[in-house]
Amino acid sequence: MMHQICRVLDATLKKPEYQGLKVVFYVSKEPNDVTNGIFLLGAFLCAFLGAAPEEAWQPFQGLDRRQCLPYRDATWVRSPYDLHVRECWAGLARAVGHGMYRPVEFDPKEVFPLRPPCQASCRVELRSF
């Protein structure tokens, strides 16, 4: 999903008819939605424009802290750790820097073929950092 949204944003910003115009990225005021919107925009800045996570955070630092929730595991128990979007962007930037994620070459159909859940598989690529 992140890759697809970033691709659409990249293509939109490159269209000649949109040069010089502002693009509005809208989400509801719900903190979960705001957090996801911040993550997606920052992911675009880091992966497609080469911004550092700290640079990607600059446009959002004036927001109320309660609007940007930490990410956590998907269980119902208390989270043993929380991740700020900047930490997520740092992981993404590291993957880009090491060539594990190449936004221009990435083909979601190759990595995530649509299969019934009973036929699912896991692809793991390990590289030393």
C-alpha atoms as a PDB file:
ATOM      1  CA  MET A   1       0.000   0.000   0.000  1.00  0.00           C
ATOM      2  CA  MET A   2       2.778   2.450   0.905  1.00  0.00           C
ATOM      3  CA  HIS A   3       4.528   1.851  -2.393  1.00  0.00           C
ATOM      4  CA  GLN A   4       1.341   2.333  -4.425  1.00  0.00           C
ATOM      5  CA  ILE A   5       0.426   5.603  -2.716  1.00  0.00           C
ATOM      6  CA  CYS A   6       3.984   6.898  -3.140  1.00  0.00           C
ATOM      7  CA  ARG A   7       3.939   5.956  -6.837  1.00  0.00           C
ATOM      8  CA  VAL A   8       0.669   7.808  -7.400  1.00  0.00           C
ATOM      9  CA  LEU A   9       1.982  10.867  -5.561  1.00  0.00           C
ATOM     10  CA  ASP A  10       5.239  10.744  -7.541  1.00  0.00           C
ATOM     11  CA  ALA A  11       3.394  10.473 -10.869  1.00  0.00           C
ATOM     12  CA  THR A  12       1.019  13.290  -9.899  1.00  0.00           C
ATOM     13  CA  LEU A  13       3.827  15.647  -8.948  1.00  0.00           C
ATOM     14  CA  LYS A  14       5.643  14.944 -12.234  1.00  0.00           C
ATOM     15  CA  LYS A  15       2.683  15.796 -14.469  1.00  0.00           C
ATOM     16  CA  PRO A  16       3.338  19.044 -16.340  1.00  0.00           C
ATOM     17  CA  GLU A  17      -0.211  20.272 -15.798  1.00  0.00           C
ATOM     18  CA  TYR A  18       0.323  20.156 -11.999  1.00  0.00           C
ATOM     19  CA  GLN A  19       3.639  22.034 -11.952  1.00  0.00           C
ATOM     20  CA  GLY A  20       3.463  24.953  -9.555  1.00  0.00           C
ATOM     21  CA  LEU A  21       0.216  23.741  -7.971  1.00  0.00           C
ATOM     22  CA  LYS A  22      -0.282  22.398  -4.459  1.00  0.00           C
ATOM     23  CA  VAL A  23      -1.394  18.807  -3.982  1.00  0.00           C
ATOM     24  CA  VAL A  24      -3.693  18.222  -1.012  1.00  0.00           C
ATOM     25  CA  PHE A  25      -3.394  14.925   0.834  1.00  0.00           C
ATOM     26  CA  TYR A  26      -6.488  14.571   3.001  1.00  0.00           C
ATOM     27  CA  VAL A  27      -7.127  12.299   5.974  1.00  0.00           C
ATOM     28  CA  SER A  28      -9.712  12.470   8.724  1.00  0.00           C
ATOM     29  CA  LYS A  29      -8.874  14.069  12.069  1.00  0.00           C
ATOM     30  CA  GLU A  30      -8.741  10.680  13.790  1.00  0.00           C
ATOM     31  CA  PRO A  31      -5.260  10.159  15.264  1.00  0.00           C
ATOM     32  CA  ASN A  32      -4.867   6.738  13.593  1.00  0.00           C
ATOM     33  CA  ASP A  33      -5.640   8.255  10.202  1.00  0.00           C
ATOM     34  CA  VAL A  34      -3.414  11.282  10.816  1.00  0.00           C
ATOM     35  CA  THR A  35      -0.555   8.992  11.865  1.00  0.00           C
ATOM     36  CA  ASN A  36      -0.944   6.858   8.749  1.00  0.00           C
ATOM     37  CA  GLY A  37      -1.099   9.957   6.546  1.00  0.00           C
ATOM     38  CA  ILE A  38       2.058  11.338   8.152  1.00  0.00           C
ATOM     39  CA  PHE A  39       3.791   8.004   7.658  1.00  0.00           C
ATOM     40  CA  LEU A  40       2.826   7.820   3.972  1.00  0.00           C
ATOM     41  CA  LEU A  41       3.919  11.373   3.188  1.00  0.00           C
ATOM     42  CA  GLY A  42       7.178  10.933   5.074  1.00  0.00           C
ATOM     43  CA  ALA A  43       7.770   7.589   3.350  1.00  0.00           C
ATOM     44  CA  PHE A  44       7.426   9.388   0.014  1.00  0.00           C
ATOM     45  CA  LEU A  45       9.922  12.035   1.108  1.00  0.00           C
ATOM     46  CA  CYS A  46      12.429   9.415   2.299  1.00  0.00           C
ATOM     47  CA  ALA A  47      12.064   6.739  -0.396  1.00  0.00           C
ATOM     48  CA  PHE A  48      11.278   8.778  -3.498  1.00  0.00           C
ATOM     49  CA  LEU A  49      12.952  12.132  -2.755  1.00  0.00           C
ATOM     50  CA  GLY A  50      15.872  10.951  -0.614  1.00  0.00           C
ATOM     51  CA  ALA A  51      15.034  12.964   2.503  1.00  0.00           C
ATOM     52  CA  ALA A  52      16.496  11.915   5.842  1.00  0.00           C
ATOM     53  CA  PRO A  53      13.886  10.929   8.459  1.00  0.00           C
ATOM     54  CA  GLU A  54      14.592  14.134  10.407  1.00  0.00           C
ATOM     55  CA  GLU A  55      13.975  16.193   7.254  1.00  0.00           C
ATOM     56  CA  ALA A  56      10.752  14.288   6.554  1.00  0.00           C
ATOM     57  CA  TRP A  57       9.538  15.121  10.074  1.00  0.00           C
ATOM     58  CA  GLN A  58      10.009  18.894   9.644  1.00  0.00           C
ATOM     59  CA  PRO A  59       6.576  19.620   8.062  1.00  0.00           C
ATOM     60  CA  PHE A  60       4.808  17.754  10.890  1.00  0.00           C
ATOM     61  CA  GLN A  61       6.649  18.895  13.996  1.00  0.00           C
ATOM     62  CA  GLY A  62       4.069  21.585  14.784  1.00  0.00           C
ATOM     63  CA  LEU A  63       1.245  19.058  15.129  1.00  0.00           C
ATOM     64  CA  ASP A  64      -0.266  18.208  18.483  1.00  0.00           C
ATOM     65  CA  ARG A  65       1.709  15.212  19.824  1.00  0.00           C
ATOM     66  CA  ARG A  66      -1.554  13.333  20.411  1.00  0.00           C
ATOM     67  CA  GLN A  67      -2.235  13.374  16.653  1.00  0.00           C
ATOM     68  CA  CYS A  68       0.805  11.229  15.765  1.00  0.00           C
ATOM     69  CA  LEU A  69       0.443   7.923  17.537  1.00  0.00           C
ATOM     70  CA  PRO A  70       3.211   5.373  17.872  1.00  0.00           C
ATOM     71  CA  TYR A  71       3.036   2.219  15.790  1.00  0.00           C
ATOM     72  CA  ARG A  72       2.925  -1.063  17.665  1.00  0.00           C
ATOM     73  CA  ASP A  73       2.284  -4.724  17.181  1.00  0.00           C
ATOM     74  CA  ALA A  74      -1.233  -5.762  16.204  1.00  0.00           C
ATOM     75  CA  THR A  75      -2.085  -7.699  19.362  1.00  0.00           C
ATOM     76  CA  TRP A  76      -4.551  -6.720  22.046  1.00  0.00           C
ATOM     77  CA  VAL A  77      -2.039  -6.789  24.900  1.00  0.00           C
ATOM     78  CA  ARG A  78       0.017  -3.853  26.118  1.00  0.00           C
ATOM     79  CA  SER A  79       2.757  -3.096  23.613  1.00  0.00           C
ATOM     80  CA  PRO A  80       6.278  -3.844  24.837  1.00  0.00           C
ATOM     81  CA  TYR A  81       7.572  -1.234  22.398  1.00  0.00           C
ATOM     82  CA  ASP A  82       6.284   1.634  20.322  1.00  0.00           C
ATOM     83  CA  LEU A  83       7.733   2.974  17.100  1.00  0.00           C
ATOM     84  CA  HIS A  84       7.515   6.593  16.072  1.00  0.00           C
ATOM     85  CA  VAL A  85       7.017   7.275  12.364  1.00  0.00           C
ATOM     86  CA  ARG A  86      10.583   8.659  12.254  1.00  0.00           C
ATOM     87  CA  GLU A  87      11.876   5.235  13.287  1.00  0.00           C
ATOM     88  CA  CYS A  88       9.788   3.617  10.556  1.00  0.00           C
ATOM     89  CA  TRP A  89      11.189   6.090   8.015  1.00  0.00           C
ATOM     90  CA  ALA A  90      14.722   5.366   9.265  1.00  0.00           C
ATOM     91  CA  GLY A  91      14.185   1.662   8.515  1.00  0.00           C
ATOM     92  CA  LEU A  92      12.797   2.516   5.104  1.00  0.00           C
ATOM     93  CA  ALA A  93      15.702   4.857   4.332  1.00  0.00           C
ATOM     94  CA  ARG A  94      18.131   2.144   5.397  1.00  0.00           C
ATOM     95  CA  ALA A  95      16.437  -0.384   3.095  1.00  0.00           C
ATOM     96  CA  VAL A  96      16.683   2.103   0.215  1.00  0.00           C
ATOM     97  CA  GLY A  97      20.291   2.882   1.040  1.00  0.00           C
ATOM     98  CA  HIS A  98      21.230  -0.807   1.007  1.00  0.00           C
ATOM     99  CA  GLY A  99      19.286  -1.504  -2.185  1.00  0.00           C
ATOM    100  CA  MET A 100      16.747  -3.765  -0.473  1.00  0.00           C
ATOM    101  CA  TYR A 101      13.914  -1.500  -1.601  1.00  0.00           C
ATOM    102  CA  ARG A 102      14.262   0.247  -4.946  1.00  0.00           C
ATOM    103  CA  PRO A 103      11.148   2.378  -5.474  1.00  0.00           C
ATOM    104  CA  VAL A 104      11.616   2.722  -9.244  1.00  0.00           C
ATOM    105  CA  GLU A 105      12.173  -1.002  -9.829  1.00  0.00           C
ATOM    106  CA  PHE A 106       9.832  -2.439  -7.194  1.00  0.00           C
ATOM    107  CA  ASP A 107       7.060  -4.614  -8.633  1.00  0.00           C
ATOM    108  CA  PRO A 108       4.431  -5.482  -6.020  1.00  0.00           C
ATOM    109  CA  LYS A 109       3.038  -8.242  -8.245  1.00  0.00           C
ATOM    110  CA  GLU A 110       6.402  -9.977  -8.184  1.00  0.00           C
ATOM    111  CA  VAL A 111       6.795  -9.768  -4.427  1.00  0.00           C
ATOM    112  CA  PHE A 112       3.190 -10.228  -3.367  1.00  0.00           C
ATOM    113  CA  PRO A 113       1.402 -12.459  -5.854  1.00  0.00           C
ATOM    114  CA  LEU A 114      -2.283 -12.781  -5.129  1.00  0.00           C
ATOM    115  CA  ARG A 115      -2.891 -16.239  -3.731  1.00  0.00           C
ATOM    116  CA  PRO A 116      -5.448 -17.769  -1.431  1.00  0.00           C
ATOM    117  CA  PRO A 117      -4.284 -17.533   2.203  1.00  0.00           C
ATOM    118  CA  CYS A 118      -3.893 -21.315   2.400  1.00  0.00           C
ATOM    119  CA  GLN A 119      -1.214 -21.080  -0.330  1.00  0.00           C
ATOM    120  CA  ALA A 120       0.645 -18.141   1.175  1.00  0.00           C
ATOM    121  CA  SER A 121       4.395 -18.169   1.379  1.00  0.00           C
ATOM    122  CA  CYS A 122       6.994 -15.973   2.955  1.00  0.00           C
ATOM    123  CA  ARG A 123       9.930 -14.420   1.155  1.00  0.00           C
ATOM    124  CA  VAL A 124      12.845 -13.498   3.325  1.00  0.00           C
ATOM    125  CA  GLU A 125      15.952 -11.782   2.061  1.00  0.00           C
ATOM    126  CA  LEU A 126      18.788 -11.478   4.517  1.00  0.00           C
ATOM    127  CA  ARG A 127      21.751  -9.240   3.958  1.00  0.00           C
ATOM    128  CA  SER A 128      24.320  -8.139   6.456  1.00  0.00           C
ATOM    129  CA  PHE A 129      24.322  -4.455   7.262  1.00  0.00           C
END
